Amino acid sequence: MPSWEGRVTRRKRRRWSRRRPWMRSMSSDKYPACPRAALLPARMPVLFVLVPFLLWFSACAAPREQVRIEEGRRVEYGLASWYGADFHGKLTANGEVYDMYKISAAHKTLPLGSRVRVTNQKNGKSVVLRINDRGPFVDGRIIDLSYAAASLLGMADEGVVPARVETIELGDNRYYAPNGAVVSSGSMFYTVQVGSFQQKENALTLKSALESRFEPVFIREWNNRAGLFYRVRVGKFSTEADAEDLLSRLLKEHFSAFVTAE
C-alpha cells in the first residue's frame, strides 16, 4: 500500500497538472514535444521584444544639458560629438578655415576664441582647445570637436560621448577676414536662430511672418565656401537666460530653433 507521503505527492502533481497543462508529458498527443518557451503565454514574446527596446530607447535619449559653477568656473555637462571631412577646408564661424587635423571646437554660445577643457567622462581623457566655430545644433550636445581633438579624447570611433566642458578663459569674440585680418571683436549678444535657407525669398518670408510678433528679426548672410546661406534670427540679448526665454516661446509655437551668439 502506498505511503501517506506518496498519496499526497500524487495529489499535488494532479492539481499542478490541471493548472499548468504544459507541465504534463510533452510526448502526449494533446501537447506534443516542443521547447518550453513555445508554450509560454502569447503575450510573453511581446514583452521580451518590448522591454529591451525600451531600455535601448531610454539609454539613447539625449541627456539634459547642465550648466554649473564649479570653483568659480562655468562647467557644462552633456554630449560631445565631432565633425570632419564634410567641413574640412570650409570657413568656421569666426572666419578661419576649418582643419579637421588641428585641435579646435564649435560651441553654441561661448565667445569665439574662448579656451575650454573638454573631458571624456567615459575614459577620463582631457584636452584644452579653442572655440572658433558655432554648433552643434543637436539637442543634448554641448560641443562639436575637430577630428584631431576627438582622437586625443579617444572618441573618434564612438562619435558621441558624455563630456564635461570647463571654461578656462573667455575669448574676445574676434572675427577674421579671409586674409587673416581682424574684422571685429569685443561685443557679443545672444540670439535665437529660427531658420537657415539658401533661397533668400524663403528667408524673407519667414522674417515677415515673425515680425508681427517678435522684434528684432534679422537675416544674417553666411558663406562658408559650401554656399551662401540666409539665417533668420530673432532677438538681441545681453544674457543667455533672456535668449532661452524667447526660445521657449518659439518652441511652444513649434518652431525649430536654438540659441546661439554673435
Protein backbone atom coordinates (compact mmCIF):
# COMPACT_ATOMS: atom_id res chain seq x y z
CA MET A 1 0.00 0.00 0.00
CA PRO A 2 1.42 3.38 -0.95
CA SER A 3 2.63 5.56 1.86
CA TRP A 4 0.76 8.66 3.03
CA GLU A 5 3.52 10.86 1.65
CA GLY A 6 3.18 9.16 -1.76
CA ARG A 7 -0.58 9.84 -1.92
CA VAL A 8 -0.07 13.50 -1.03
CA THR A 9 2.64 13.86 -3.66
CA ARG A 10 0.47 12.32 -6.40
CA ARG A 11 -2.44 14.56 -5.37
CA LYS A 12 -0.23 17.68 -5.61
CA ARG A 13 1.05 16.63 -9.02
CA ARG A 14 -2.52 16.15 -10.34
CA ARG A 15 -3.60 19.58 -9.06
CA TRP A 16 -0.47 21.24 -10.55
CA SER A 17 -1.03 19.41 -13.81
CA ARG A 18 -4.60 20.70 -14.08
CA ARG A 19 -3.46 24.28 -13.51
CA ARG A 20 -0.39 24.04 -15.77
CA PRO A 21 -1.23 21.69 -18.63
CA TRP A 22 2.15 22.24 -20.30
CA MET A 23 3.76 20.56 -17.28
CA ARG A 24 2.23 17.22 -18.41
CA SER A 25 4.09 14.78 -20.58
CA MET A 26 5.44 16.60 -23.64
CA SER A 27 5.03 13.43 -25.70
CA SER A 28 1.23 13.28 -25.45
CA ASP A 29 -0.99 13.86 -28.48
CA LYS A 30 -2.54 16.97 -26.92
CA TYR A 31 0.81 18.51 -26.01
CA PRO A 32 3.43 17.30 -28.47
CA ALA A 33 7.08 17.65 -27.63
CA CYS A 34 8.33 21.23 -28.07
CA PRO A 35 10.55 23.74 -26.29
CA ARG A 36 9.03 25.11 -23.11
CA ALA A 37 9.44 28.70 -24.42
CA ALA A 38 6.96 27.88 -27.18
CA LEU A 39 4.32 27.08 -24.55
CA LEU A 40 4.56 30.39 -22.75
CA PRO A 41 1.50 32.67 -22.85
CA ALA A 42 1.10 34.52 -26.14
CA ARG A 43 1.94 37.93 -24.65
CA MET A 44 5.33 36.92 -23.30
CA PRO A 45 7.23 37.22 -26.62
CA VAL A 46 5.91 40.78 -26.97
CA LEU A 47 7.36 41.64 -23.59
CA PHE A 48 10.67 40.05 -24.48
CA VAL A 49 10.85 42.33 -27.54
CA LEU A 50 9.41 45.47 -25.94
CA VAL A 51 11.48 45.60 -22.74
CA PRO A 52 14.90 45.57 -24.47
CA PHE A 53 13.63 48.22 -26.90
CA LEU A 54 12.51 50.48 -24.05
CA LEU A 55 15.85 50.04 -22.30
CA TRP A 56 17.68 50.90 -25.54
CA PHE A 57 15.47 53.95 -26.15
CA SER A 58 15.97 55.32 -22.65
CA ALA A 59 19.73 54.82 -22.94
CA CYS A 60 19.83 56.68 -26.27
CA ALA A 61 17.64 59.57 -25.18
CA ALA A 62 19.60 62.82 -25.14
CA PRO A 63 20.60 63.76 -21.60
CA ARG A 64 19.58 67.12 -20.24
CA GLU A 65 22.32 69.73 -20.66
CA GLN A 66 23.55 71.05 -17.33
CA VAL A 67 25.49 74.22 -16.57
CA ARG A 68 27.12 74.66 -13.17
CA ILE A 69 29.62 76.94 -11.47
CA GLU A 70 32.43 74.87 -10.01
CA GLU A 71 35.32 76.59 -8.21
CA GLY A 72 34.34 79.86 -9.87
CA ARG A 73 34.31 78.44 -13.41
CA ARG A 74 31.47 77.66 -15.79
CA VAL A 75 31.18 73.90 -16.34
CA GLU A 76 28.79 72.19 -18.74
CA TYR A 77 27.72 68.54 -18.83
CA GLY A 78 26.21 66.91 -21.87
CA LEU A 79 27.25 65.14 -25.06
CA ALA A 80 30.34 65.84 -27.14
CA SER A 81 30.47 64.99 -30.85
CA TRP A 82 32.93 65.68 -33.66
CA TYR A 83 32.82 66.85 -37.26
CA GLY A 84 35.28 66.09 -40.00
CA ALA A 85 35.63 65.64 -43.75
CA ASP A 86 32.33 67.27 -44.77
CA PHE A 87 33.51 70.57 -43.26
CA HIS A 88 37.25 70.29 -43.87
CA GLY A 89 38.52 73.36 -45.71
CA LYS A 90 35.34 75.38 -45.16
CA LEU A 91 35.02 78.52 -43.07
CA THR A 92 34.29 78.41 -39.37
CA ALA A 93 32.07 80.97 -37.65
CA ASN A 94 34.99 83.28 -36.85
CA GLY A 95 36.20 83.26 -40.45
CA GLU A 96 39.08 80.82 -40.06
CA VAL A 97 39.41 77.78 -42.32
CA TYR A 98 38.38 74.57 -40.58
CA ASP A 99 41.17 72.00 -40.45
CA MET A 100 39.97 68.65 -39.08
CA TYR A 101 43.59 67.69 -38.28
CA LYS A 102 44.06 70.63 -35.90
CA ILE A 103 42.65 70.94 -32.39
CA SER A 104 39.58 73.18 -32.24
CA ALA A 105 35.87 73.03 -31.42
CA ALA A 106 32.45 74.56 -32.01
CA HIS A 107 30.20 75.85 -29.22
CA LYS A 108 26.76 77.44 -29.46
CA THR A 109 27.19 80.41 -27.12
CA LEU A 110 30.70 80.86 -25.68
CA PRO A 111 32.59 83.86 -27.11
CA LEU A 112 34.73 82.86 -30.07
CA GLY A 113 38.33 82.44 -29.02
CA SER A 114 37.40 81.00 -25.61
CA ARG A 115 39.63 78.25 -24.20
CA VAL A 116 37.95 75.22 -22.64
CA ARG A 117 38.99 71.90 -21.16
CA VAL A 118 36.94 69.02 -22.54
CA THR A 119 36.90 65.74 -20.61
CA ASN A 120 35.60 62.45 -21.97
CA GLN A 121 33.67 61.13 -18.99
CA LYS A 122 33.89 57.55 -20.23
CA ASN A 123 37.68 57.31 -20.07
CA GLY A 124 38.81 60.45 -18.19
CA LYS A 125 40.92 61.81 -21.07
CA SER A 126 41.05 65.62 -21.42
CA VAL A 127 42.17 68.19 -23.97
CA VAL A 128 42.39 72.00 -23.84
CA LEU A 129 41.29 73.75 -27.01
CA ARG A 130 39.99 76.98 -28.52
CA ILE A 131 36.44 77.69 -29.71
CA ASN A 132 36.40 79.00 -33.29
CA ASP A 133 33.04 77.79 -34.60
CA ARG A 134 29.34 77.56 -33.74
CA GLY A 135 27.45 74.34 -33.04
CA PRO A 136 26.46 71.59 -32.51
CA PHE A 137 22.78 72.29 -33.08
CA VAL A 138 21.54 68.93 -31.83
CA ASP A 139 19.56 68.55 -28.60
CA GLY A 140 21.71 67.34 -25.73
CA ARG A 141 25.05 68.06 -27.42
CA ILE A 142 27.17 70.81 -25.92
CA ILE A 143 30.34 70.83 -28.04
CA ASP A 144 31.46 69.72 -31.51
CA LEU A 145 35.14 68.77 -31.74
CA SER A 146 37.57 68.60 -34.61
CA TYR A 147 38.68 65.12 -35.64
CA ALA A 148 42.11 65.73 -34.07
CA ALA A 149 40.56 66.68 -30.72
CA ALA A 150 38.19 63.70 -30.82
CA SER A 151 41.12 61.38 -31.46
CA LEU A 152 43.01 62.73 -28.44
CA LEU A 153 39.91 62.10 -26.32
CA GLY A 154 39.62 58.53 -27.60
CA MET A 155 36.11 59.09 -29.01
CA ALA A 156 36.65 59.22 -32.77
CA ASP A 157 35.23 55.73 -33.24
CA GLU A 158 32.23 56.24 -30.93
CA GLY A 159 31.31 59.63 -32.35
CA VAL A 160 29.31 60.85 -29.35
CA VAL A 161 30.26 60.56 -25.67
CA PRO A 162 29.22 62.16 -22.35
CA ALA A 163 31.54 65.07 -21.65
CA ARG A 164 32.45 67.79 -19.21
CA VAL A 165 33.34 71.21 -20.67
CA GLU A 166 35.11 73.62 -18.33
CA THR A 167 35.61 77.23 -19.41
CA ILE A 168 39.21 78.25 -18.71
CA GLU A 169 39.26 81.66 -20.41
CA LEU A 170 36.60 83.66 -22.24
CA GLY A 171 37.54 84.80 -25.74
CA ASP A 172 37.19 88.24 -27.29
CA ASN A 173 34.69 87.02 -29.90
CA ARG A 174 37.04 88.04 -32.72
CA TYR A 175 36.12 87.55 -36.39
CA TYR A 176 38.64 87.29 -39.22
CA ALA A 177 38.66 88.15 -42.90
CA PRO A 178 39.89 85.54 -45.43
CA ASN A 179 43.31 87.25 -45.45
CA GLY A 180 43.62 86.85 -41.66
CA ALA A 181 42.88 90.46 -40.78
CA VAL A 182 40.65 91.11 -37.76
CA VAL A 183 37.18 92.21 -38.84
CA SER A 184 35.58 92.81 -35.45
CA SER A 185 35.92 91.80 -31.82
CA GLY A 186 34.67 92.55 -28.37
CA SER A 187 30.90 92.95 -28.25
CA MET A 188 28.69 89.87 -28.30
CA PHE A 189 24.97 89.24 -27.97
CA TYR A 190 22.74 86.17 -27.77
CA THR A 191 20.05 85.45 -30.32
CA VAL A 192 17.70 82.68 -31.44
CA GLN A 193 18.08 81.20 -34.91
CA VAL A 194 14.76 80.06 -36.40
CA GLY A 195 15.77 79.10 -39.92
CA SER A 196 18.59 78.88 -42.46
CA PHE A 197 17.94 78.99 -46.20
CA GLN A 198 19.86 79.02 -49.45
CA GLN A 199 16.97 80.82 -51.15
CA LYS A 200 16.73 84.41 -49.92
CA GLU A 201 13.00 84.55 -50.71
CA ASN A 202 12.32 81.79 -48.16
CA ALA A 203 14.26 83.66 -45.51
CA LEU A 204 12.35 86.87 -46.22
CA THR A 205 9.02 85.03 -45.99
CA LEU A 206 9.87 83.65 -42.55
CA LYS A 207 11.19 87.01 -41.40
CA SER A 208 7.93 88.69 -42.44
CA ALA A 209 5.87 86.09 -40.57
CA LEU A 210 7.87 86.56 -37.38
CA GLU A 211 7.98 90.37 -37.39
CA SER A 212 4.32 90.70 -36.43
CA ARG A 213 5.04 89.08 -33.02
CA PHE A 214 8.77 89.38 -32.32
CA GLU A 215 11.48 92.00 -32.61
CA PRO A 216 14.03 92.48 -33.80
CA VAL A 217 14.00 89.90 -36.60
CA PHE A 218 17.02 89.99 -38.89
CA ILE A 219 18.80 87.97 -41.57
CA ARG A 220 22.48 87.10 -41.42
CA GLU A 221 24.23 86.09 -44.63
CA TRP A 222 26.84 83.38 -44.19
CA ASN A 223 29.14 81.97 -46.84
CA ASN A 224 31.22 79.03 -45.61
CA ARG A 225 32.65 78.14 -49.04
CA ALA A 226 29.93 75.49 -49.45
CA GLY A 227 27.42 78.12 -50.49
CA LEU A 228 25.61 81.23 -49.33
CA PHE A 229 23.08 80.78 -46.52
CA TYR A 230 20.48 83.23 -45.16
CA ARG A 231 19.98 82.75 -41.43
CA VAL A 232 16.82 84.12 -39.83
CA ARG A 233 17.38 85.20 -36.24
CA VAL A 234 15.21 86.76 -33.55
CA GLY A 235 16.26 88.99 -30.65
CA LYS A 236 19.48 90.52 -29.41
CA PHE A 237 20.05 89.83 -25.73
CA SER A 238 22.84 90.64 -23.32
CA THR A 239 22.18 87.47 -21.30
CA GLU A 240 21.78 83.86 -22.37
CA ALA A 241 18.85 83.45 -19.97
CA ASP A 242 16.79 86.04 -21.86
CA ALA A 243 17.51 84.25 -25.14
CA GLU A 244 16.44 80.95 -23.57
CA ASP A 245 13.12 82.53 -22.55
CA LEU A 246 12.45 83.54 -26.15
CA LEU A 247 13.49 80.07 -27.31
CA SER A 248 10.86 78.51 -25.03
CA ARG A 249 8.15 80.70 -26.60
CA LEU A 250 9.23 79.76 -30.12
CA LEU A 251 9.40 76.05 -29.34
CA LYS A 252 5.86 76.16 -27.95
CA GLU A 253 4.80 77.52 -31.34
CA HIS A 254 6.54 74.54 -32.98
CA PHE A 255 9.44 76.45 -34.49
CA SER A 256 12.69 74.53 -34.87
CA ALA A 257 15.05 76.93 -33.13
CA PHE A 258 18.14 77.20 -30.96
CA VAL A 259 20.12 79.81 -29.02
CA THR A 260 23.42 80.99 -30.44
CA ALA A 261 25.67 84.02 -30.16
CA GLU A 262 27.20 86.65 -32.41
